[in-house]
mmCIF file of all heavy atoms, coordinates in Angstrom:
data_MODEL
# 
_entry.id   MODEL 
# 
loop_
_atom_site.group_PDB 
_atom_site.id 
_atom_site.type_symbol 
_atom_site.label_atom_id 
_atom_site.label_alt_id 
_atom_site.label_comp_id 
_atom_site.label_asym_id 
_atom_site.label_entity_id 
_atom_site.label_seq_id 
_atom_site.pdbx_PDB_ins_code 
_atom_site.Cartn_x 
_atom_site.Cartn_y 
_atom_site.Cartn_z 
_atom_site.occupancy 
_atom_site.B_iso_or_equiv 
_atom_site.pdbx_formal_charge 
_atom_site.auth_seq_id 
_atom_site.auth_comp_id 
_atom_site.auth_asym_id 
_atom_site.auth_atom_id 
_atom_site.pdbx_PDB_model_num 
ATOM 1   N N   . PRO A 1 1  ? -4.976 33.175 70.083 1.00 0.00 ? 1  PRO A N   1 
ATOM 2   C CA  . PRO A 1 1  ? -4.460 34.396 69.478 1.00 0.00 ? 1  PRO A CA  1 
ATOM 3   C C   . PRO A 1 1  ? -2.956 34.370 69.201 1.00 0.00 ? 1  PRO A C   1 
ATOM 4   O O   . PRO A 1 1  ? -2.399 35.319 68.664 1.00 0.00 ? 1  PRO A O   1 
ATOM 5   C CB  . PRO A 1 1  ? -4.753 35.438 70.560 1.00 0.00 ? 1  PRO A CB  1 
ATOM 6   C CG  . PRO A 1 1  ? -4.466 34.683 71.833 1.00 0.00 ? 1  PRO A CG  1 
ATOM 7   C CD  . PRO A 1 1  ? -4.928 33.259 71.579 1.00 0.00 ? 1  PRO A CD  1 
ATOM 8   N N   . ASP A 1 2  ? -2.286 33.270 69.542 1.00 0.00 ? 2  ASP A N   1 
ATOM 9   C CA  . ASP A 1 2  ? -0.816 33.286 69.622 1.00 0.00 ? 2  ASP A CA  1 
ATOM 10  C C   . ASP A 1 2  ? -0.122 33.560 68.293 1.00 0.00 ? 2  ASP A C   1 
ATOM 11  O O   . ASP A 1 2  ? 0.911  34.230 68.261 1.00 0.00 ? 2  ASP A O   1 
ATOM 12  C CB  . ASP A 1 2  ? -0.319 31.960 70.212 1.00 0.00 ? 2  ASP A CB  1 
ATOM 13  C CG  . ASP A 1 2  ? -0.903 31.677 71.580 1.00 0.00 ? 2  ASP A CG  1 
ATOM 14  O OD1 . ASP A 1 2  ? -0.614 32.449 72.506 1.00 0.00 ? 2  ASP A OD1 1 
ATOM 15  O OD2 . ASP A 1 2  ? -1.679 30.719 71.712 1.00 0.00 ? 2  ASP A OD2 1 
ATOM 16  N N   . ALA A 1 3  ? -0.685 33.036 67.196 1.00 0.00 ? 3  ALA A N   1 
ATOM 17  C CA  . ALA A 1 3  ? -0.017 33.198 65.901 1.00 0.00 ? 3  ALA A CA  1 
ATOM 18  C C   . ALA A 1 3  ? -0.042 34.635 65.407 1.00 0.00 ? 3  ALA A C   1 
ATOM 19  O O   . ALA A 1 3  ? 0.718  34.995 64.496 1.00 0.00 ? 3  ALA A O   1 
ATOM 20  C CB  . ALA A 1 3  ? -0.661 32.277 64.868 1.00 0.00 ? 3  ALA A CB  1 
ATOM 21  N N   . PHE A 1 4  ? -0.876 35.472 66.009 1.00 0.00 ? 4  PHE A N   1 
ATOM 22  C CA  . PHE A 1 4  ? -1.012 36.845 65.517 1.00 0.00 ? 4  PHE A CA  1 
ATOM 23  C C   . PHE A 1 4  ? 0.222  37.696 65.816 1.00 0.00 ? 4  PHE A C   1 
ATOM 24  O O   . PHE A 1 4  ? 0.365  38.792 65.256 1.00 0.00 ? 4  PHE A O   1 
ATOM 25  C CB  . PHE A 1 4  ? -2.264 37.494 66.113 1.00 0.00 ? 4  PHE A CB  1 
ATOM 26  C CG  . PHE A 1 4  ? -3.537 37.066 65.437 1.00 0.00 ? 4  PHE A CG  1 
ATOM 27  C CD1 . PHE A 1 4  ? -4.036 35.779 65.626 1.00 0.00 ? 4  PHE A CD1 1 
ATOM 28  C CD2 . PHE A 1 4  ? -4.215 37.930 64.600 1.00 0.00 ? 4  PHE A CD2 1 
ATOM 29  C CE1 . PHE A 1 4  ? -5.202 35.373 64.997 1.00 0.00 ? 4  PHE A CE1 1 
ATOM 30  C CE2 . PHE A 1 4  ? -5.384 37.529 63.959 1.00 0.00 ? 4  PHE A CE2 1 
ATOM 31  C CZ  . PHE A 1 4  ? -5.889 36.243 64.159 1.00 0.00 ? 4  PHE A CZ  1 
ATOM 32  N N   . ILE A 1 5  ? 1.108  37.222 66.658 1.00 0.00 ? 5  ILE A N   1 
ATOM 33  C CA  . ILE A 1 5  ? 2.343  37.954 66.878 1.00 0.00 ? 5  ILE A CA  1 
ATOM 34  C C   . ILE A 1 5  ? 3.280  37.818 65.678 1.00 0.00 ? 5  ILE A C   1 
ATOM 35  O O   . ILE A 1 5  ? 4.129  38.690 65.432 1.00 0.00 ? 5  ILE A O   1 
ATOM 36  C CB  . ILE A 1 5  ? 3.052  37.468 68.167 1.00 0.00 ? 5  ILE A CB  1 
ATOM 37  C CG1 . ILE A 1 5  ? 4.253  38.361 68.482 1.00 0.00 ? 5  ILE A CG1 1 
ATOM 38  C CG2 . ILE A 1 5  ? 3.480  36.026 68.061 1.00 0.00 ? 5  ILE A CG2 1 
ATOM 39  C CD1 . ILE A 1 5  ? 3.922  39.822 68.642 1.00 0.00 ? 5  ILE A CD1 1 
ATOM 40  N N   . GLY A 1 6  ? 3.143  36.732 64.902 1.00 0.00 ? 6  GLY A N   1 
ATOM 41  C CA  . GLY A 1 6  ? 4.095  36.437 63.836 1.00 0.00 ? 6  GLY A CA  1 
ATOM 42  C C   . GLY A 1 6  ? 4.283  37.534 62.811 1.00 0.00 ? 6  GLY A C   1 
ATOM 43  O O   . GLY A 1 6  ? 5.405  38.043 62.624 1.00 0.00 ? 6  GLY A O   1 
ATOM 44  N N   . PRO A 1 7  ? 3.237  37.953 62.090 1.00 0.00 ? 7  PRO A N   1 
ATOM 45  C CA  . PRO A 1 7  ? 3.421  38.987 61.070 1.00 0.00 ? 7  PRO A CA  1 
ATOM 46  C C   . PRO A 1 7  ? 3.886  40.332 61.633 1.00 0.00 ? 7  PRO A C   1 
ATOM 47  O O   . PRO A 1 7  ? 4.703  41.009 61.012 1.00 0.00 ? 7  PRO A O   1 
ATOM 48  C CB  . PRO A 1 7  ? 2.027  39.092 60.428 1.00 0.00 ? 7  PRO A CB  1 
ATOM 49  C CG  . PRO A 1 7  ? 1.428  37.738 60.640 1.00 0.00 ? 7  PRO A CG  1 
ATOM 50  C CD  . PRO A 1 7  ? 1.901  37.327 62.003 1.00 0.00 ? 7  PRO A CD  1 
ATOM 51  N N   . MET A 1 8  ? 3.367  40.718 62.796 1.00 0.00 ? 8  MET A N   1 
ATOM 52  C CA  . MET A 1 8  ? 3.823  41.977 63.384 1.00 0.00 ? 8  MET A CA  1 
ATOM 53  C C   . MET A 1 8  ? 5.295  41.882 63.776 1.00 0.00 ? 8  MET A C   1 
ATOM 54  O O   . MET A 1 8  ? 6.076  42.827 63.555 1.00 0.00 ? 8  MET A O   1 
ATOM 55  C CB  . MET A 1 8  ? 2.969  42.338 64.612 1.00 0.00 ? 8  MET A CB  1 
ATOM 56  C CG  . MET A 1 8  ? 3.441  43.589 65.341 1.00 0.00 ? 8  MET A CG  1 
ATOM 57  S SD  . MET A 1 8  ? 3.516  45.083 64.318 1.00 0.00 ? 8  MET A SD  1 
ATOM 58  C CE  . MET A 1 8  ? 1.784  45.554 64.290 1.00 0.00 ? 8  MET A CE  1 
ATOM 59  N N   . ALA A 1 9  ? 5.705  40.760 64.324 1.00 0.00 ? 9  ALA A N   1 
ATOM 60  C CA  . ALA A 1 9  ? 7.121  40.575 64.674 1.00 0.00 ? 9  ALA A CA  1 
ATOM 61  C C   . ALA A 1 9  ? 7.988  40.617 63.418 1.00 0.00 ? 9  ALA A C   1 
ATOM 62  O O   . ALA A 1 9  ? 9.091  41.176 63.436 1.00 0.00 ? 9  ALA A O   1 
ATOM 63  C CB  . ALA A 1 9  ? 7.315  39.261 65.423 1.00 0.00 ? 9  ALA A CB  1 
ATOM 64  N N   . GLU A 1 10 ? 7.494  40.013 62.340 1.00 0.00 ? 10 GLU A N   1 
ATOM 65  C CA  . GLU A 1 10 ? 8.205  40.091 61.045 1.00 0.00 ? 10 GLU A CA  1 
ATOM 66  C C   . GLU A 1 10 ? 8.443  41.540 60.658 1.00 0.00 ? 10 GLU A C   1 
ATOM 67  O O   . GLU A 1 10 ? 9.542  41.935 60.261 1.00 0.00 ? 10 GLU A O   1 
ATOM 68  C CB  . GLU A 1 10 ? 7.379  39.421 59.935 1.00 0.00 ? 10 GLU A CB  1 
ATOM 69  C CG  . GLU A 1 10 ? 7.652  37.965 59.710 1.00 0.00 ? 10 GLU A CG  1 
ATOM 70  C CD  . GLU A 1 10 ? 7.164  37.512 58.338 1.00 0.00 ? 10 GLU A CD  1 
ATOM 71  O OE1 . GLU A 1 10 ? 7.008  38.373 57.444 1.00 0.00 ? 10 GLU A OE1 1 
ATOM 72  O OE2 . GLU A 1 10 ? 6.964  36.305 58.157 1.00 0.00 ? 10 GLU A OE2 1 
ATOM 73  N N   . LEU A 1 11 ? 7.381  42.328 60.723 1.00 0.00 ? 11 LEU A N   1 
ATOM 74  C CA  . LEU A 1 11 ? 7.478  43.729 60.320 1.00 0.00 ? 11 LEU A CA  1 
ATOM 75  C C   . LEU A 1 11 ? 8.453  44.490 61.198 1.00 0.00 ? 11 LEU A C   1 
ATOM 76  O O   . LEU A 1 11 ? 9.312  45.240 60.697 1.00 0.00 ? 11 LEU A O   1 
ATOM 77  C CB  . LEU A 1 11 ? 6.086  44.365 60.384 1.00 0.00 ? 11 LEU A CB  1 
ATOM 78  C CG  . LEU A 1 11 ? 6.001  45.864 60.110 1.00 0.00 ? 11 LEU A CG  1 
ATOM 79  C CD1 . LEU A 1 11 ? 6.555  46.200 58.734 1.00 0.00 ? 11 LEU A CD1 1 
ATOM 80  C CD2 . LEU A 1 11 ? 4.561  46.353 60.242 1.00 0.00 ? 11 LEU A CD2 1 
ATOM 81  N N   . LEU A 1 12 ? 8.373  44.304 62.509 1.00 0.00 ? 12 LEU A N   1 
ATOM 82  C CA  . LEU A 1 12 ? 9.248  45.041 63.419 1.00 0.00 ? 12 LEU A CA  1 
ATOM 83  C C   . LEU A 1 12 ? 10.707 44.624 63.262 1.00 0.00 ? 12 LEU A C   1 
ATOM 84  O O   . LEU A 1 12 ? 11.611 45.467 63.312 1.00 0.00 ? 12 LEU A O   1 
ATOM 85  C CB  . LEU A 1 12 ? 8.786  44.844 64.863 1.00 0.00 ? 12 LEU A CB  1 
ATOM 86  C CG  . LEU A 1 12 ? 7.390  45.390 65.195 1.00 0.00 ? 12 LEU A CG  1 
ATOM 87  C CD1 . LEU A 1 12 ? 7.040  45.120 66.655 1.00 0.00 ? 12 LEU A CD1 1 
ATOM 88  C CD2 . LEU A 1 12 ? 7.293  46.878 64.888 1.00 0.00 ? 12 LEU A CD2 1 
ATOM 89  N N   . ARG A 1 13 ? 10.949 43.325 63.066 1.00 0.00 ? 13 ARG A N   1 
ATOM 90  C CA  . ARG A 1 13 ? 12.336 42.878 62.848 1.00 0.00 ? 13 ARG A CA  1 
ATOM 91  C C   . ARG A 1 13 ? 12.891 43.467 61.552 1.00 0.00 ? 13 ARG A C   1 
ATOM 92  O O   . ARG A 1 13 ? 14.068 43.843 61.479 1.00 0.00 ? 13 ARG A O   1 
ATOM 93  C CB  . ARG A 1 13 ? 12.405 41.353 62.813 1.00 0.00 ? 13 ARG A CB  1 
ATOM 94  C CG  . ARG A 1 13 ? 12.235 40.682 64.165 1.00 0.00 ? 13 ARG A CG  1 
ATOM 95  C CD  . ARG A 1 13 ? 12.699 39.230 64.138 1.00 0.00 ? 13 ARG A CD  1 
ATOM 96  N NE  . ARG A 1 13 ? 11.958 38.451 63.161 1.00 0.00 ? 13 ARG A NE  1 
ATOM 97  C CZ  . ARG A 1 13 ? 10.868 37.746 63.427 1.00 0.00 ? 13 ARG A CZ  1 
ATOM 98  N NH1 . ARG A 1 13 ? 10.372 37.750 64.651 1.00 0.00 ? 13 ARG A NH1 1 
ATOM 99  N NH2 . ARG A 1 13 ? 10.264 37.049 62.482 1.00 0.00 ? 13 ARG A NH2 1 
ATOM 100 N N   . ASP A 1 14 ? 12.047 43.525 60.530 1.00 0.00 ? 14 ASP A N   1 
ATOM 101 C CA  . ASP A 1 14 ? 12.478 44.104 59.260 1.00 0.00 ? 14 ASP A CA  1 
ATOM 102 C C   . ASP A 1 14 ? 12.838 45.577 59.443 1.00 0.00 ? 14 ASP A C   1 
ATOM 103 O O   . ASP A 1 14 ? 13.884 46.043 58.965 1.00 0.00 ? 14 ASP A O   1 
ATOM 104 C CB  . ASP A 1 14 ? 11.358 43.948 58.227 1.00 0.00 ? 14 ASP A CB  1 
ATOM 105 C CG  . ASP A 1 14 ? 11.837 44.222 56.807 1.00 0.00 ? 14 ASP A CG  1 
ATOM 106 O OD1 . ASP A 1 14 ? 12.389 45.310 56.571 1.00 0.00 ? 14 ASP A OD1 1 
ATOM 107 O OD2 . ASP A 1 14 ? 11.644 43.356 55.928 1.00 0.00 ? 14 ASP A OD2 1 
ATOM 108 N N   . LEU A 1 15 ? 11.996 46.300 60.154 1.00 0.00 ? 15 LEU A N   1 
ATOM 109 C CA  . LEU A 1 15 ? 12.235 47.733 60.343 1.00 0.00 ? 15 LEU A CA  1 
ATOM 110 C C   . LEU A 1 15 ? 13.472 48.002 61.177 1.00 0.00 ? 15 LEU A C   1 
ATOM 111 O O   . LEU A 1 15 ? 14.157 49.016 60.971 1.00 0.00 ? 15 LEU A O   1 
ATOM 112 C CB  . LEU A 1 15 ? 11.008 48.382 60.987 1.00 0.00 ? 15 LEU A CB  1 
ATOM 113 C CG  . LEU A 1 15 ? 9.751  48.437 60.111 1.00 0.00 ? 15 LEU A CG  1 
ATOM 114 C CD1 . LEU A 1 15 ? 8.561  48.951 60.911 1.00 0.00 ? 15 LEU A CD1 1 
ATOM 115 C CD2 . LEU A 1 15 ? 9.980  49.298 58.876 1.00 0.00 ? 15 LEU A CD2 1 
ATOM 116 N N   . GLU A 1 16 ? 13.782 47.117 62.120 1.00 0.00 ? 16 GLU A N   1 
ATOM 117 C CA  . GLU A 1 16 ? 14.982 47.317 62.928 1.00 0.00 ? 16 GLU A CA  1 
ATOM 118 C C   . GLU A 1 16 ? 16.223 46.747 62.251 1.00 0.00 ? 16 GLU A C   1 
ATOM 119 O O   . GLU A 1 16 ? 17.337 46.901 62.747 1.00 0.00 ? 16 GLU A O   1 
ATOM 120 C CB  . GLU A 1 16 ? 14.813 46.698 64.313 1.00 0.00 ? 16 GLU A CB  1 
ATOM 121 C CG  . GLU A 1 16 ? 14.785 45.193 64.351 1.00 0.00 ? 16 GLU A CG  1 
ATOM 122 C CD  . GLU A 1 16 ? 14.523 44.642 65.751 1.00 0.00 ? 16 GLU A CD  1 
ATOM 123 O OE1 . GLU A 1 16 ? 14.172 45.442 66.649 1.00 0.00 ? 16 GLU A OE1 1 
ATOM 124 O OE2 . GLU A 1 16 ? 14.655 43.420 65.931 1.00 0.00 ? 16 GLU A OE2 1 
ATOM 125 N N   . GLY A 1 17 ? 16.036 46.082 61.110 1.00 0.00 ? 17 GLY A N   1 
ATOM 126 C CA  . GLY A 1 17 ? 17.162 45.613 60.315 1.00 0.00 ? 17 GLY A CA  1 
ATOM 127 C C   . GLY A 1 17 ? 17.757 44.296 60.737 1.00 0.00 ? 17 GLY A C   1 
ATOM 128 O O   . GLY A 1 17 ? 18.874 43.960 60.323 1.00 0.00 ? 17 GLY A O   1 
ATOM 129 N N   . THR A 1 18 ? 17.025 43.502 61.530 1.00 0.00 ? 18 THR A N   1 
ATOM 130 C CA  . THR A 1 18 ? 17.576 42.234 62.004 1.00 0.00 ? 18 THR A CA  1 
ATOM 131 C C   . THR A 1 18 ? 17.185 41.036 61.132 1.00 0.00 ? 18 THR A C   1 
ATOM 132 O O   . THR A 1 18 ? 17.899 40.044 61.105 1.00 0.00 ? 18 THR A O   1 
ATOM 133 C CB  . THR A 1 18 ? 17.133 41.958 63.454 1.00 0.00 ? 18 THR A CB  1 
ATOM 134 O OG1 . THR A 1 18 ? 15.703 42.007 63.530 1.00 0.00 ? 18 THR A OG1 1 
ATOM 135 C CG2 . THR A 1 18 ? 17.707 42.999 64.393 1.00 0.00 ? 18 THR A CG2 1 
ATOM 136 N N   . GLU A 1 19 ? 16.037 41.117 60.443 1.00 0.00 ? 19 GLU A N   1 
ATOM 137 C CA  . GLU A 1 19 ? 15.604 40.014 59.596 1.00 0.00 ? 19 GLU A CA  1 
ATOM 138 C C   . GLU A 1 19 ? 14.560 40.516 58.604 1.00 0.00 ? 19 GLU A C   1 
ATOM 139 O O   . GLU A 1 19 ? 13.620 41.222 58.992 1.00 0.00 ? 19 GLU A O   1 
ATOM 140 C CB  . GLU A 1 19 ? 15.004 38.876 60.440 1.00 0.00 ? 19 GLU A CB  1 
ATOM 141 C CG  . GLU A 1 19 ? 14.647 37.633 59.643 1.00 0.00 ? 19 GLU A CG  1 
ATOM 142 C CD  . GLU A 1 19 ? 14.094 36.527 60.526 1.00 0.00 ? 19 GLU A CD  1 
ATOM 143 O OE1 . GLU A 1 19 ? 14.175 36.662 61.762 1.00 0.00 ? 19 GLU A OE1 1 
ATOM 144 O OE2 . GLU A 1 19 ? 13.587 35.535 59.984 1.00 0.00 ? 19 GLU A OE2 1 
ATOM 145 N N   . GLN A 1 20 ? 14.697 40.151 57.349 1.00 0.00 ? 20 GLN A N   1 
ATOM 146 C CA  . GLN A 1 20 ? 13.747 40.600 56.342 1.00 0.00 ? 20 GLN A CA  1 
ATOM 147 C C   . GLN A 1 20 ? 12.400 39.906 56.518 1.00 0.00 ? 20 GLN A C   1 
ATOM 148 O O   . GLN A 1 20 ? 12.335 38.702 56.785 1.00 0.00 ? 20 GLN A O   1 
ATOM 149 C CB  . GLN A 1 20 ? 14.276 40.333 54.936 1.00 0.00 ? 20 GLN A CB  1 
ATOM 150 C CG  . GLN A 1 20 ? 15.397 41.264 54.503 1.00 0.00 ? 20 GLN A CG  1 
ATOM 151 C CD  . GLN A 1 20 ? 15.741 41.110 53.032 1.00 0.00 ? 20 GLN A CD  1 
ATOM 152 O OE1 . GLN A 1 20 ? 15.465 40.082 52.418 1.00 0.00 ? 20 GLN A OE1 1 
ATOM 153 N NE2 . GLN A 1 20 ? 16.348 42.124 52.458 1.00 0.00 ? 20 GLN A NE2 1 
ATOM 154 N N   . ALA A 1 21 ? 11.325 40.664 56.353 1.00 0.00 ? 21 ALA A N   1 
ATOM 155 C CA  . ALA A 1 21 ? 9.981  40.103 56.423 1.00 0.00 ? 21 ALA A CA  1 
ATOM 156 C C   . ALA A 1 21 ? 9.717  39.212 55.217 1.00 0.00 ? 21 ALA A C   1 
ATOM 157 O O   . ALA A 1 21 ? 10.243 39.446 54.129 1.00 0.00 ? 21 ALA A O   1 
ATOM 158 C CB  . ALA A 1 21 ? 8.957  41.225 56.479 1.00 0.00 ? 21 ALA A CB  1 
ATOM 159 N N   . LYS A 1 22 ? 8.911  38.178 55.431 1.00 0.00 ? 22 LYS A N   1 
ATOM 160 C CA  . LYS A 1 22 ? 8.558  37.259 54.350 1.00 0.00 ? 22 LYS A CA  1 
ATOM 161 C C   . LYS A 1 22 ? 7.146  37.508 53.836 1.00 0.00 ? 22 LYS A C   1 
ATOM 162 O O   . LYS A 1 22 ? 6.875  37.348 52.658 1.00 0.00 ? 22 LYS A O   1 
ATOM 163 C CB  . LYS A 1 22 ? 8.697  35.816 54.834 1.00 0.00 ? 22 LYS A CB  1 
ATOM 164 C CG  . LYS A 1 22 ? 10.115 35.439 55.247 1.00 0.00 ? 22 LYS A CG  1 
ATOM 165 C CD  . LYS A 1 22 ? 10.186 33.994 55.723 1.00 0.00 ? 22 LYS A CD  1 
ATOM 166 C CE  . LYS A 1 22 ? 11.614 33.604 56.097 1.00 0.00 ? 22 LYS A CE  1 
ATOM 167 N NZ  . LYS A 1 22 ? 12.121 34.380 57.254 1.00 0.00 ? 22 LYS A NZ  1 
ATOM 168 N N   . CYS A 1 23 ? 6.217  37.868 54.727 1.00 0.00 ? 23 CYS A N   1 
ATOM 169 C CA  . CYS A 1 23 ? 4.815  38.104 54.330 1.00 0.00 ? 23 CYS A CA  1 
ATOM 170 C C   . CYS A 1 23 ? 4.632  39.534 53.829 1.00 0.00 ? 23 CYS A C   1 
ATOM 171 O O   . CYS A 1 23 ? 3.695  40.234 54.237 1.00 0.00 ? 23 CYS A O   1 
ATOM 172 C CB  . CYS A 1 23 ? 3.878  37.843 55.496 1.00 0.00 ? 23 CYS A CB  1 
ATOM 173 S SG  . CYS A 1 23 ? 3.794  36.147 56.048 1.00 0.00 ? 23 CYS A SG  1 
ATOM 174 N N   . THR A 1 24 ? 5.516  39.989 52.957 1.00 0.00 ? 24 THR A N   1 
ATOM 175 C CA  . THR A 1 24 ? 5.429  41.362 52.470 1.00 0.00 ? 24 THR A CA  1 
ATOM 176 C C   . THR A 1 24 ? 4.239  41.515 51.532 1.00 0.00 ? 24 THR A C   1 
ATOM 177 O O   . THR A 1 24 ? 3.695  40.539 51.002 1.00 0.00 ? 24 THR A O   1 
ATOM 178 C CB  . THR A 1 24 ? 6.705  41.748 51.727 1.00 0.00 ? 24 THR A CB  1 
ATOM 179 O OG1 . THR A 1 24 ? 6.848  40.907 50.569 1.00 0.00 ? 24 THR A OG1 1 
ATOM 180 C CG2 . THR A 1 24 ? 7.933  41.592 52.629 1.00 0.00 ? 24 THR A CG2 1 
ATOM 181 N N   . GLY A 1 25 ? 3.858  42.764 51.314 1.00 0.00 ? 25 GLY A N   1 
ATOM 182 C CA  . GLY A 1 25 ? 2.796  43.012 50.357 1.00 0.00 ? 25 GLY A CA  1 
ATOM 183 C C   . GLY A 1 25 ? 3.141  42.478 48.991 1.00 0.00 ? 25 GLY A C   1 
ATOM 184 O O   . GLY A 1 25 ? 2.294  41.882 48.300 1.00 0.00 ? 25 GLY A O   1 
ATOM 185 N N   . ARG A 1 26 ? 4.387  42.647 48.578 1.00 0.00 ? 26 ARG A N   1 
ATOM 186 C CA  . ARG A 1 26 ? 4.818  42.162 47.250 1.00 0.00 ? 26 ARG A CA  1 
ATOM 187 C C   . ARG A 1 26 ? 4.709  40.648 47.173 1.00 0.00 ? 26 ARG A C   1 
ATOM 188 O O   . ARG A 1 26 ? 4.211  40.106 46.182 1.00 0.00 ? 26 ARG A O   1 
ATOM 189 C CB  . ARG A 1 26 ? 6.253  42.628 46.997 1.00 0.00 ? 26 ARG A CB  1 
ATOM 190 C CG  . ARG A 1 26 ? 6.856  42.196 45.666 1.00 0.00 ? 26 ARG A CG  1 
ATOM 191 C CD  . ARG A 1 26 ? 6.174  42.829 44.489 1.00 0.00 ? 26 ARG A CD  1 
ATOM 192 N NE  . ARG A 1 26 ? 6.284  44.280 44.455 1.00 0.00 ? 26 ARG A NE  1 
ATOM 193 C CZ  . ARG A 1 26 ? 5.639  45.042 43.574 1.00 0.00 ? 26 ARG A CZ  1 
ATOM 194 N NH1 . ARG A 1 26 ? 4.832  44.487 42.667 1.00 0.00 ? 26 ARG A NH1 1 
ATOM 195 N NH2 . ARG A 1 26 ? 5.761  46.359 43.600 1.00 0.00 ? 26 ARG A NH2 1 
ATOM 196 N N   . ASP A 1 27 ? 5.152  39.953 48.193 1.00 0.00 ? 27 ASP A N   1 
ATOM 197 C CA  . ASP A 1 27 ? 5.046  38.492 48.205 1.00 0.00 ? 27 ASP A CA  1 
ATOM 198 C C   . ASP A 1 27 ? 3.585  38.051 48.233 1.00 0.00 ? 27 ASP A C   1 
ATOM 199 O O   . ASP A 1 27 ? 3.198  37.093 47.568 1.00 0.00 ? 27 ASP A O   1 
ATOM 200 C CB  . ASP A 1 27 ? 5.774  37.917 49.416 1.00 0.00 ? 27 ASP A CB  1 
ATOM 201 C CG  . ASP A 1 27 ? 5.563  36.417 49.564 1.00 0.00 ? 27 ASP A CG  1 
ATOM 202 O OD1 . ASP A 1 27 ? 6.247  35.650 48.866 1.00 0.00 ? 27 ASP A OD1 1 
ATOM 203 O OD2 . ASP A 1 27 ? 4.692  36.014 50.361 1.00 0.00 ? 27 ASP A OD2 1 
ATOM 204 N N   . ASN A 1 28 ? 2.756  38.752 48.992 1.00 0.00 ? 28 ASN A N   1 
ATOM 205 C CA  . ASN A 1 28 ? 1.370  38.345 49.165 1.00 0.00 ? 28 ASN A CA  1 
ATOM 206 C C   . ASN A 1 28 ? 0.561  38.465 47.883 1.00 0.00 ? 28 ASN A C   1 
ATOM 207 O O   . ASN A 1 28 ? -0.517 37.857 47.766 1.00 0.00 ? 28 ASN A O   1 
ATOM 208 C CB  . ASN A 1 28 ? 0.725  39.167 50.280 1.00 0.00 ? 28 ASN A CB  1 
ATOM 209 C CG  . ASN A 1 28 ? -0.619 38.620 50.696 1.00 0.00 ? 28 ASN A CG  1 
ATOM 210 O OD1 . ASN A 1 28 ? -1.646 39.254 50.469 1.00 0.00 ? 28 ASN A OD1 1 
ATOM 211 N ND2 . ASN A 1 28 ? -0.631 37.436 51.286 1.00 0.00 ? 28 ASN A ND2 1 
ATOM 212 N N   . LEU A 1 29 ? 1.060  39.218 46.904 1.00 0.00 ? 29 LEU A N   1 
ATOM 213 C CA  . LEU A 1 29 ? 0.349  39.309 45.630 1.00 0.00 ? 29 LEU A CA  1 
ATOM 214 C C   . LEU A 1 29 ? 0.164  37.935 44.990 1.00 0.00 ? 29 LEU A C   1 
ATOM 215 O O   . LEU A 1 29 ? -0.848 37.678 44.328 1.00 0.00 ? 29 LEU A O   1 
ATOM 216 C CB  . LEU A 1 29 ? 1.090  40.243 44.675 1.00 0.00 ? 29 LEU A CB  1 
ATOM 217 C CG  . LEU A 1 29 ? 1.096  41.730 45.057 1.00 0.00 ? 29 LEU A CG  1 
ATOM 218 C CD1 . LEU A 1 29 ? 1.924  42.528 44.057 1.00 0.00 ? 29 LEU A CD1 1 
ATOM 219 C CD2 . LEU A 1 29 ? -0.318 42.282 45.147 1.00 0.00 ? 29 LEU A CD2 1 
ATOM 220 N N   . THR A 1 30 ? 1.125  37.039 45.207 1.00 0.00 ? 30 THR A N   1 
ATOM 221 C CA  . THR A 1 30 ? 0.993  35.704 44.625 1.00 0.00 ? 30 THR A CA  1 
ATOM 222 C C   . THR A 1 30 ? -0.109 34.911 45.312 1.00 0.00 ? 30 THR A C   1 
ATOM 223 O O   . THR A 1 30 ? -0.844 34.160 44.665 1.00 0.00 ? 30 THR A O   1 
ATOM 224 C CB  . THR A 1 30 ? 2.336  34.949 44.704 1.00 0.00 ? 30 THR A CB  1 
ATOM 225 O OG1 . THR A 1 30 ? 3.361  35.740 44.099 1.00 0.00 ? 30 THR A OG1 1 
ATOM 226 C CG2 . THR A 1 30 ? 2.247  33.614 43.968 1.00 0.00 ? 30 THR A CG2 1 
ATOM 227 N N   . THR A 1 31 ? -0.249 35.061 46.625 1.00 0.00 ? 31 THR A N   1 
ATOM 228 C CA  . THR A 1 31 ? -1.374 34.414 47.312 1.00 0.00 ? 31 THR A CA  1 
ATOM 229 C C   . THR A 1 31 ? -2.698 34.937 46.767 1.00 0.00 ? 31 THR A C   1 
ATOM 230 O O   . THR A 1 31 ? -3.629 34.164 46.508 1.00 0.00 ? 31 THR A O   1 
ATOM 231 C CB  . THR A 1 31 ? -1.287 34.661 48.823 1.00 0.00 ? 31 THR A CB  1 
ATOM 232 O OG1 . THR A 1 31 ? -0.120 33.995 49.338 1.00 0.00 ? 31 THR A OG1 1 
ATOM 233 C CG2 . THR A 1 31 ? -2.507 34.125 49.546 1.00 0.00 ? 31 THR A CG2 1 
# 
């Protein structure tokens, strides 16, 4: 289960203003 922390951590860091998320909905449109 370890990798499942990644996207949630991305989101929380983005919301707290420390690092922009990469797996955003806008980015995921290309996938």
